[in-house]
Amino acid sequence: MVRLKKSSNGLIGVDITSATVKLIELKRAGAQYRIGSYAIRPLREGAVVERRIRDMGEVVKALQRAVDHARPTTHQASVAVPASATITKTLTLPASLNDSEIEARIQLDSDKHIPFPFSEVAFDFQRLGLNAHHDDQQDVLLVACRQQDVSQLAEALRQAGLETTAVDVETFAMERVFGELRHQLPSLSGDDDCVALVDIGATMNAFHVLRDGRVIYSHDTVFGGRRLTEEIRSRYGLSLEEAALAKKRGGLPEDYCALVLDPFLDTLVQQVGRSLQLYYTAGRQHEVTRLVLAGGTCVIPGLVDRLAEESGMEVAVANPFLRMKVNSRIDLPDLASDAPAMLTACGLAMRARA
């Protein structure tokens, strides 16, 4: 069972992706958050594949470099398993059951809810309140995954000098940070608001639809910013590091836009359009009214305008830090530039308590 510890000195959210390790330290002061420190460090290709660690030593070194750069005041950290590795179910149980009895019932009926041996399971649950149709029943959210997934993440953090206080699910972290992003969308109010959050990373394009702040649909596509980096490297004879820097800072030949950038944008816009079509094809009736972009690739010049033109919707770039206080030693331009890529880490760190 994954239990959580209270943190009064802030919490570090750690996001381990296929391309980078990201961490951010948040402290709670009433209704506001304060950013104490943050860092992003690159990972060697292949160290993490489809959100699973393949090279523990490389991940630990990157984490240690991130911790050394950030110099956080706490070592308590939260990390997430991918939604694809978890089982999430809402159970209906007698309202009279307390937490210990709920846990015992889940263990007794584990074969009904979890498709792998209970001895290999890490699980947690949360009461959701009385069932809407039966006053003598309660709804309980069950989340389970393989213990080895939790142990691997916790071991990586331990070797980097961090203490794992919570293992979350990426979807829950995204929902938590979206509560902050909603303040940037003043035209959206009410329970019927339906927003597509498109997280464009190095290798994956994650498409989430949120209604009333909850993820109601998700679809992943294997396509991301590394494709553009590889094309730059191949066409202009650069190293991978040089290509990544050129993609971010510019300075490429005049034919770059026509031969490299525009075709990449065409494909990316098509991928987002297909994900939106799949959402409607799946029988979803709530109309998406806004696109919010996240991930390091979303800041590529021209993407926002192209998506707005193709979709007919307003397109915004996510920045979860706009209302947060910031430690004076953090470089504000760097933070603003990195903000769209920090959503998962930020959502994890938002578990920090006052």
Protein backbone atom coordinates (compact mmCIF):
# COMPACT_ATOMS: atom_id res chain seq x y z
CA MET A 1 0.00 0.00 0.00
CA VAL A 2 1.39 3.40 -0.98
CA ARG A 3 0.77 5.73 1.96
CA LEU A 4 1.52 9.44 1.97
CA LYS A 5 3.46 11.46 4.52
CA LYS A 6 2.68 15.04 5.34
CA SER A 7 5.29 17.58 4.30
CA SER A 8 5.36 20.94 6.09
CA ASN A 9 8.57 22.11 4.42
CA GLY A 10 7.48 21.81 0.82
CA LEU A 11 7.60 18.98 -1.66
CA ILE A 12 9.62 18.21 -4.78
CA GLY A 13 7.75 16.95 -7.83
CA VAL A 14 9.94 14.69 -9.99
CA ASP A 15 9.01 13.93 -13.60
CA ILE A 16 11.18 11.33 -15.37
CA THR A 17 10.56 11.30 -19.13
CA SER A 18 12.29 9.77 -22.13
CA ALA A 19 14.38 12.91 -22.72
CA THR A 20 14.77 14.72 -19.39
CA VAL A 21 14.50 14.66 -15.64
CA LYS A 22 12.50 17.57 -14.27
CA LEU A 23 12.04 18.58 -10.65
CA ILE A 24 10.38 21.49 -8.93
CA GLU A 25 10.06 22.35 -5.24
CA LEU A 26 6.82 23.99 -4.14
CA LYS A 27 5.86 25.30 -0.73
CA ARG A 28 2.30 26.05 0.31
CA ALA A 29 1.39 29.33 1.98
CA GLY A 30 -2.36 29.46 2.43
CA ALA A 31 -4.02 29.30 -0.98
CA GLN A 32 -0.80 30.14 -2.83
CA TYR A 33 2.32 28.25 -3.83
CA ARG A 34 5.89 29.44 -3.78
CA ILE A 35 8.52 27.99 -6.13
CA GLY A 36 11.58 27.25 -4.02
CA SER A 37 13.76 25.68 -6.71
CA TYR A 38 13.62 23.79 -9.98
CA ALA A 39 15.87 22.09 -12.51
CA ILE A 40 15.75 20.21 -15.81
CA ARG A 41 18.54 17.88 -16.88
CA PRO A 42 18.82 15.80 -20.09
CA LEU A 43 18.82 12.01 -20.26
CA ARG A 44 20.75 9.84 -22.66
CA GLU A 45 18.48 8.35 -25.32
CA GLY A 46 17.25 4.91 -24.29
CA ALA A 47 17.65 5.47 -20.54
CA VAL A 48 13.87 5.73 -20.22
CA VAL A 49 11.57 4.04 -22.74
CA GLU A 50 7.80 4.56 -22.64
CA ARG A 51 8.08 6.01 -19.14
CA ARG A 52 9.94 3.01 -17.77
CA ILE A 53 13.54 3.19 -16.55
CA ARG A 54 15.94 1.06 -18.61
CA ASP A 55 19.24 2.51 -17.34
CA MET A 56 19.04 3.19 -13.61
CA GLY A 57 22.57 4.59 -13.40
CA GLU A 58 21.91 7.22 -16.08
CA VAL A 59 18.63 8.29 -14.46
CA VAL A 60 20.22 8.56 -11.02
CA LYS A 61 23.09 10.68 -12.38
CA ALA A 62 20.64 13.03 -14.10
CA LEU A 63 18.59 13.29 -10.92
CA GLN A 64 21.69 14.04 -8.88
CA ARG A 65 22.70 16.77 -11.34
CA ALA A 66 19.20 18.25 -11.09
CA VAL A 67 19.27 18.19 -7.28
CA ASP A 68 22.74 19.74 -7.19
CA HIS A 69 21.60 22.55 -9.49
CA ALA A 70 18.28 23.22 -7.72
CA ARG A 71 19.63 22.99 -4.15
CA PRO A 72 16.16 22.34 -2.65
CA THR A 73 15.50 22.93 1.02
CA THR A 74 13.65 19.63 1.38
CA HIS A 75 14.44 16.14 0.18
CA GLN A 76 10.87 14.88 0.31
CA ALA A 77 9.68 14.09 -3.21
CA SER A 78 6.66 12.88 -5.14
CA VAL A 79 6.92 10.89 -8.37
CA ALA A 80 4.37 9.37 -10.75
CA VAL A 81 3.74 6.13 -12.59
CA PRO A 82 2.22 6.41 -16.09
CA ALA A 83 -1.53 6.00 -16.36
CA SER A 84 -0.95 3.10 -18.78
CA ALA A 85 0.70 1.12 -15.96
CA THR A 86 -2.17 1.56 -13.49
CA ILE A 87 -5.60 0.11 -12.87
CA THR A 88 -8.15 2.73 -11.77
CA LYS A 89 -11.65 1.69 -10.73
CA THR A 90 -14.53 3.15 -8.74
CA LEU A 91 -15.90 0.52 -6.36
CA THR A 92 -19.27 0.57 -4.64
CA LEU A 93 -18.99 -0.72 -1.07
CA PRO A 94 -21.18 -0.60 2.06
CA ALA A 95 -21.13 2.88 3.61
CA SER A 96 -20.50 1.35 7.04
CA LEU A 97 -16.97 0.17 6.13
CA ASN A 98 -14.04 2.10 7.63
CA ASP A 99 -10.60 2.40 6.02
CA SER A 100 -9.25 -0.84 7.48
CA GLU A 101 -12.33 -2.73 6.41
CA ILE A 102 -12.16 -1.23 2.91
CA GLU A 103 -8.54 -2.31 2.61
CA ALA A 104 -9.42 -5.83 3.74
CA ARG A 105 -12.30 -6.00 1.25
CA ILE A 106 -10.04 -4.91 -1.61
CA GLN A 107 -7.52 -7.59 -0.69
CA LEU A 108 -10.24 -10.24 -0.46
CA ASP A 109 -11.71 -9.32 -3.85
CA SER A 110 -8.45 -8.41 -5.56
CA ASP A 111 -8.89 -11.00 -8.31
CA LYS A 112 -12.06 -9.17 -9.41
CA HIS A 113 -10.35 -5.81 -9.80
CA ILE A 114 -6.65 -6.36 -10.48
CA PRO A 115 -5.34 -8.50 -13.38
CA PHE A 116 -2.09 -9.60 -11.74
CA PRO A 117 -1.16 -11.46 -8.53
CA PHE A 118 -1.93 -9.50 -5.38
CA SER A 119 1.55 -10.23 -4.02
CA GLU A 120 2.92 -8.04 -6.83
CA VAL A 121 0.51 -5.16 -6.23
CA ALA A 122 0.87 -1.68 -4.77
CA PHE A 123 -2.49 -0.02 -4.24
CA ASP A 124 -4.22 2.89 -2.60
CA PHE A 125 -7.81 4.06 -2.33
CA GLN A 126 -9.82 7.18 -1.62
CA ARG A 127 -13.37 7.57 -0.39
CA LEU A 128 -15.48 9.57 -2.85
CA GLY A 129 -18.57 9.90 -0.64
CA LEU A 130 -21.98 8.27 -0.62
CA ASN A 131 -23.22 6.63 -3.79
CA ALA A 132 -25.58 8.88 -5.76
CA HIS A 133 -28.27 6.19 -5.99
CA HIS A 134 -27.92 4.20 -2.76
CA ASP A 135 -27.57 5.93 0.61
CA ASP A 136 -26.25 2.78 2.27
CA GLN A 137 -23.35 2.50 -0.22
CA GLN A 138 -20.17 4.53 -0.72
CA ASP A 139 -18.00 5.05 -3.79
CA VAL A 140 -14.30 4.24 -3.37
CA LEU A 141 -11.61 5.05 -5.93
CA LEU A 142 -9.09 2.21 -6.22
CA VAL A 143 -5.71 2.71 -7.90
CA ALA A 144 -3.31 -0.20 -8.33
CA CYS A 145 -0.10 -0.96 -10.19
CA ARG A 146 2.74 -3.43 -10.03
CA GLN A 147 4.93 -3.03 -6.97
CA GLN A 148 8.05 -3.20 -9.13
CA ASP A 149 7.03 0.04 -10.90
CA VAL A 150 6.74 1.83 -7.57
CA SER A 151 9.93 0.30 -6.19
CA GLN A 152 11.97 1.24 -9.26
CA LEU A 153 10.97 4.90 -9.07
CA ALA A 154 11.52 5.04 -5.32
CA GLU A 155 14.96 3.46 -5.70
CA ALA A 156 15.99 6.03 -8.32
CA LEU A 157 14.99 8.85 -5.99
CA ARG A 158 16.71 7.20 -3.01
CA GLN A 159 20.00 6.85 -4.87
CA ALA A 160 19.77 10.52 -5.83
CA GLY A 161 19.39 11.51 -2.17
CA LEU A 162 15.62 12.09 -2.19
CA GLU A 163 12.94 10.56 0.01
CA THR A 164 9.82 9.30 -1.76
CA THR A 165 6.79 10.52 0.19
CA ALA A 166 4.17 9.81 -2.50
CA VAL A 167 3.82 7.78 -5.67
CA ASP A 168 1.07 9.32 -7.78
CA VAL A 169 -0.48 8.68 -11.19
CA GLU A 170 0.40 11.06 -14.03
CA THR A 171 -3.29 11.63 -14.81
CA PHE A 172 -3.99 12.80 -11.25
CA ALA A 173 -0.99 15.14 -11.35
CA MET A 174 -2.30 16.59 -14.62
CA GLU A 175 -5.75 17.16 -13.12
CA ARG A 176 -4.21 18.85 -10.09
CA VAL A 177 -2.15 21.29 -12.14
CA PHE A 178 -5.07 21.94 -14.48
CA GLY A 179 -6.88 23.44 -11.49
CA GLU A 180 -4.19 26.12 -11.58
CA LEU A 181 -4.30 26.48 -15.37
CA ARG A 182 -8.05 27.16 -15.28
CA HIS A 183 -7.29 30.59 -13.82
CA GLN A 184 -5.63 31.43 -17.15
CA LEU A 185 -8.83 30.59 -19.06
CA PRO A 186 -11.30 33.23 -17.82
CA SER A 187 -13.73 32.64 -20.67
CA LEU A 188 -14.27 29.08 -19.46
CA SER A 189 -16.54 28.68 -16.48
CA GLY A 190 -19.07 26.11 -15.43
CA ASP A 191 -19.29 22.33 -15.40
CA ASP A 192 -19.74 21.99 -19.17
CA ASP A 193 -16.33 23.40 -20.08
CA CYS A 194 -14.38 20.86 -22.10
CA VAL A 195 -10.69 21.48 -22.77
CA ALA A 196 -8.13 19.44 -24.70
CA LEU A 197 -4.71 19.48 -23.07
CA VAL A 198 -2.05 18.45 -25.60
CA ASP A 199 1.27 17.53 -23.98
CA ILE A 200 3.90 17.34 -26.73
CA GLY A 201 7.09 15.79 -25.43
CA ALA A 202 10.24 14.42 -27.04
CA THR A 203 8.78 11.13 -28.25
CA MET A 204 5.11 11.14 -27.20
CA ASN A 205 2.12 13.35 -27.90
CA ALA A 206 -0.38 12.91 -25.05
CA PHE A 207 -3.90 14.17 -25.78
CA HIS A 208 -6.16 14.61 -22.73
CA VAL A 209 -9.72 15.93 -22.66
CA LEU A 210 -10.79 17.43 -19.35
CA ARG A 211 -14.33 18.28 -18.32
CA ASP A 212 -14.93 20.08 -15.05
CA GLY A 213 -11.24 19.60 -14.28
CA ARG A 214 -11.29 15.80 -14.67
CA VAL A 215 -9.68 13.74 -17.41
CA ILE A 216 -12.47 12.00 -19.32
CA TYR A 217 -10.43 10.83 -22.32
CA SER A 218 -6.75 10.22 -23.12
CA HIS A 219 -4.91 9.15 -26.25
CA ASP A 220 -1.15 8.84 -26.80
CA THR A 221 0.64 9.10 -30.15
CA VAL A 222 4.27 8.16 -30.73
CA PHE A 223 5.39 11.46 -32.22
CA GLY A 224 7.27 14.33 -30.61
CA GLY A 225 9.97 16.94 -30.79
CA ARG A 226 12.84 14.48 -31.10
CA ARG A 227 11.67 13.83 -34.67
CA LEU A 228 12.40 17.47 -35.52
CA THR A 229 15.78 17.33 -33.77
CA GLU A 230 16.74 14.22 -35.73
CA GLU A 231 15.72 15.85 -39.01
CA ILE A 232 17.84 18.92 -38.23
CA ARG A 233 20.80 16.72 -37.29
CA SER A 234 20.53 14.64 -40.43
CA ARG A 235 19.96 17.47 -42.91
CA TYR A 236 22.58 19.89 -41.60
CA GLY A 237 25.26 17.47 -40.38
CA LEU A 238 25.04 18.45 -36.70
CA SER A 239 25.47 16.42 -33.54
CA LEU A 240 22.32 15.64 -31.60
CA GLU A 241 23.26 18.23 -28.97
CA GLU A 242 23.97 20.89 -31.61
CA ALA A 243 20.68 20.13 -33.36
CA ALA A 244 18.71 20.44 -30.12
CA LEU A 245 20.36 23.79 -29.38
CA ALA A 246 19.74 25.06 -32.92
CA LYS A 247 16.07 24.04 -32.70
CA LYS A 248 15.70 26.13 -29.55
CA ARG A 249 17.83 29.16 -30.44
CA GLY A 250 17.60 29.33 -34.23
CA GLY A 251 20.45 30.24 -36.54
CA LEU A 252 19.68 27.50 -39.08
CA PRO A 253 19.95 27.98 -42.88
CA GLU A 254 17.24 29.83 -44.80
CA ASP A 255 15.70 26.63 -46.15
CA TYR A 256 15.03 25.31 -42.61
CA CYS A 257 11.40 26.46 -42.46
CA ALA A 258 10.38 25.16 -45.88
CA LEU A 259 12.30 21.87 -45.78
CA VAL A 260 12.22 20.89 -42.10
CA LEU A 261 9.98 22.96 -39.82
CA ASP A 262 6.85 23.26 -41.98
CA PRO A 263 6.60 19.50 -42.73
CA PHE A 264 7.07 18.75 -39.03
CA LEU A 265 4.34 21.23 -38.08
CA ASP A 266 2.03 19.74 -40.72
CA THR A 267 2.43 16.28 -39.22
CA LEU A 268 2.04 17.50 -35.65
CA VAL A 269 -1.14 19.43 -36.46
CA GLN A 270 -2.52 16.35 -38.23
CA GLN A 271 -1.74 14.21 -35.17
CA VAL A 272 -3.65 16.57 -32.90
CA GLY A 273 -6.56 16.65 -35.35
CA ARG A 274 -6.69 12.85 -35.47
CA SER A 275 -6.68 12.64 -31.67
CA LEU A 276 -9.61 15.06 -31.58
CA GLN A 277 -11.45 12.97 -34.18
CA LEU A 278 -10.82 9.80 -32.18
CA TYR A 279 -12.30 11.50 -29.12
CA TYR A 280 -15.54 12.18 -30.96
CA THR A 281 -15.51 8.77 -32.66
CA ALA A 282 -15.37 7.17 -29.21
CA GLY A 283 -18.87 8.56 -28.64
CA ARG A 284 -17.90 11.52 -26.50
CA GLN A 285 -20.65 14.12 -26.69
CA HIS A 286 -19.03 17.03 -24.87
CA GLU A 287 -17.61 19.49 -27.39
CA VAL A 288 -13.99 20.55 -26.91
CA THR A 289 -13.94 24.36 -26.73
CA ARG A 290 -10.27 25.15 -26.14
CA LEU A 291 -6.82 23.69 -26.80
CA VAL A 292 -4.09 24.11 -24.19
CA LEU A 293 -0.57 23.13 -25.22
CA ALA A 294 2.11 21.75 -22.92
CA GLY A 295 5.47 20.01 -23.24
CA GLY A 296 8.82 21.27 -24.44
CA THR A 297 7.87 20.98 -28.11
CA CYS A 298 4.78 23.20 -27.88
CA VAL A 299 6.86 26.40 -28.00
CA ILE A 300 8.04 25.77 -31.58
CA PRO A 301 7.33 28.96 -33.59
CA GLY A 302 4.17 28.77 -35.66
CA LEU A 303 2.53 25.84 -33.88
CA VAL A 304 -0.05 27.86 -31.93
CA ASP A 305 -1.20 29.77 -35.03
CA ARG A 306 -1.37 26.63 -37.16
CA LEU A 307 -3.44 24.74 -34.61
CA ALA A 308 -5.77 27.70 -34.12
CA GLU A 309 -6.30 27.97 -37.87
CA GLU A 310 -6.92 24.25 -38.37
CA SER A 311 -9.14 23.69 -35.32
CA GLY A 312 -11.05 26.97 -35.28
CA MET A 313 -10.47 27.11 -31.54
CA GLU A 314 -8.47 29.40 -29.31
CA VAL A 315 -5.11 27.86 -28.47
CA ALA A 316 -3.15 28.72 -25.32
CA VAL A 317 0.27 27.65 -24.07
CA ALA A 318 0.24 26.34 -20.50
CA ASN A 319 2.10 28.16 -17.74
CA PRO A 320 1.22 26.83 -14.28
CA PHE A 321 3.48 29.37 -12.55
CA LEU A 322 1.75 32.66 -13.40
CA ARG A 323 0.12 33.10 -9.98
CA MET A 324 2.95 31.59 -7.95
CA LYS A 325 5.60 33.41 -5.96
CA VAL A 326 9.15 32.67 -7.06
CA ASN A 327 12.39 32.36 -5.11
CA SER A 328 14.61 35.34 -5.96
CA ARG A 329 17.51 33.11 -7.04
CA ILE A 330 15.46 31.57 -9.89
CA ASP A 331 15.97 33.08 -13.35
CA LEU A 332 12.49 34.25 -14.40
CA PRO A 333 13.03 34.11 -18.20
CA ASP A 334 14.32 30.54 -17.90
CA LEU A 335 11.35 29.58 -15.73
CA ALA A 336 8.88 31.06 -18.21
CA SER A 337 10.57 29.22 -21.08
CA ASP A 338 10.51 25.89 -19.24
CA ALA A 339 6.99 26.27 -17.78
CA PRO A 340 5.05 24.36 -20.49
CA ALA A 341 7.25 21.29 -19.93
CA MET A 342 6.81 21.31 -16.14
CA LEU A 343 3.13 20.38 -15.80
CA THR A 344 3.54 16.86 -14.43
CA ALA A 345 6.33 17.83 -12.02
CA CYS A 346 4.30 20.84 -10.88
CA GLY A 347 1.17 18.73 -10.35
CA LEU A 348 3.18 16.30 -8.23
CA ALA A 349 4.71 19.07 -6.12
CA MET A 350 1.28 20.62 -5.56
CA ARG A 351 0.67 17.88 -3.00
CA ALA A 352 2.70 20.09 -0.66
CA ARG A 353 0.74 21.12 2.43
CA ALA A 354 0.81 24.40 4.31
